[in-house]
Amino acid sequence: EAMMVGLPIIASDIPMNLEAVEHGVSAFVNKVKNVSDLTERMKQVQQDYHGSMMLGKNARRIALESFDIKQVSKQYTEALSRYKRKDI
């Protein structure tokens, strides 16, 4: 949701998040379960508001290009069309 509205993002480095965001491009990424790393990312957002908002704008652009329902539907259709139904 934050990506779609262009808000600054702090995301833990779990695989699902890393599929959607990239540290320093569309989000700040912190090491999962690392409180000091999360604290540093929060300080980054606070200390560099303009830069954080630019990451949010990048995230929105990426989300619209990659995660828009029409785009996702098209990707599913293309992927499914590669498989031919086998006779039973």
Protein backbone atom coordinates (compact mmCIF):
# COMPACT_ATOMS: atom_id res chain seq x y z
CA GLU A 1 0.00 0.00 0.00
CA ALA A 2 2.82 2.40 0.81
CA MET A 3 4.30 1.81 -2.63
CA MET A 4 1.07 2.71 -4.39
CA VAL A 5 0.76 6.04 -2.60
CA GLY A 6 4.45 6.91 -2.73
CA LEU A 7 5.25 6.92 0.97
CA PRO A 8 8.78 6.27 2.22
CA ILE A 9 9.23 2.59 3.02
CA ILE A 10 11.31 0.77 5.60
CA ALA A 11 11.12 -2.95 4.88
CA SER A 12 12.80 -5.92 6.50
CA ASP A 13 15.02 -8.00 4.24
CA ILE A 14 12.69 -10.98 3.92
CA PRO A 15 12.44 -12.47 0.41
CA MET A 16 8.87 -11.29 -0.21
CA ASN A 17 9.82 -7.68 0.49
CA LEU A 18 12.99 -7.91 -1.58
CA GLU A 19 10.92 -8.97 -4.59
CA ALA A 20 9.12 -5.64 -4.41
CA VAL A 21 11.70 -3.10 -3.18
CA GLU A 22 15.40 -2.37 -3.50
CA HIS A 23 17.43 -0.66 -0.81
CA GLY A 24 18.32 2.88 -1.74
CA VAL A 25 16.15 2.81 -4.86
CA SER A 26 12.58 2.33 -3.67
CA ALA A 27 12.95 1.75 0.07
CA PHE A 28 15.22 1.51 3.05
CA VAL A 29 15.82 -2.15 3.84
CA ASN A 30 16.79 -3.32 7.30
CA LYS A 31 18.09 -6.65 8.54
CA VAL A 32 15.24 -8.67 9.99
CA LYS A 33 15.21 -8.87 13.81
CA ASN A 34 18.01 -6.29 14.02
CA VAL A 35 16.73 -3.45 16.17
CA SER A 36 19.81 -1.25 15.72
CA ASP A 37 19.58 -1.56 11.93
CA LEU A 38 15.89 -0.66 12.01
CA THR A 39 16.72 2.31 14.23
CA GLU A 40 19.30 3.50 11.71
CA ARG A 41 16.80 3.24 8.85
CA MET A 42 14.26 5.23 10.86
CA LYS A 43 16.89 7.91 11.50
CA GLN A 44 17.63 8.02 7.76
CA VAL A 45 13.98 8.77 7.00
CA GLN A 46 13.88 11.44 9.68
CA GLN A 47 17.18 13.09 8.74
CA ASP A 48 16.74 13.00 4.95
CA TYR A 49 13.06 13.68 4.37
CA HIS A 50 13.58 14.82 0.76
CA GLY A 51 15.61 11.72 -0.13
CA SER A 52 13.07 9.49 1.61
CA MET A 53 10.24 11.05 -0.38
CA MET A 54 12.21 10.45 -3.59
CA LEU A 55 12.45 6.75 -2.66
CA GLY A 56 8.68 6.81 -2.13
CA LYS A 57 8.15 8.32 -5.58
CA ASN A 58 10.40 5.66 -7.10
CA ALA A 59 8.45 2.97 -5.25
CA ARG A 60 5.17 4.32 -6.63
CA ARG A 61 6.49 4.32 -10.19
CA ILE A 62 7.74 0.75 -9.78
CA ALA A 63 4.46 -0.36 -8.21
CA LEU A 64 2.42 1.13 -11.05
CA GLU A 65 4.66 -0.52 -13.64
CA SER A 66 4.93 -3.90 -11.94
CA PHE A 67 2.00 -4.47 -9.60
CA ASP A 68 -0.94 -2.77 -11.29
CA ILE A 69 -3.81 -5.26 -11.56
CA LYS A 70 -3.90 -4.96 -15.36
CA GLN A 71 -0.17 -5.64 -15.58
CA VAL A 72 -0.35 -8.58 -13.16
CA SER A 73 -3.33 -10.06 -15.05
CA LYS A 74 -1.41 -9.75 -18.31
CA GLN A 75 1.60 -11.52 -16.79
CA TYR A 76 -0.58 -14.37 -15.48
CA THR A 77 -2.29 -14.74 -18.85
CA GLU A 78 1.04 -14.87 -20.66
CA ALA A 79 2.46 -17.39 -18.20
CA LEU A 80 -0.59 -19.63 -18.38
CA SER A 81 -0.72 -19.48 -22.18
CA ARG A 82 2.72 -21.11 -22.28
CA TYR A 83 1.27 -24.29 -20.84
CA LYS A 84 -0.82 -26.50 -23.06
CA ARG A 85 -3.54 -28.59 -21.56
CA LYS A 86 -2.58 -32.24 -21.63
CA ASP A 87 -5.16 -34.84 -22.64
CA ILE A 88 -6.27 -36.94 -19.73
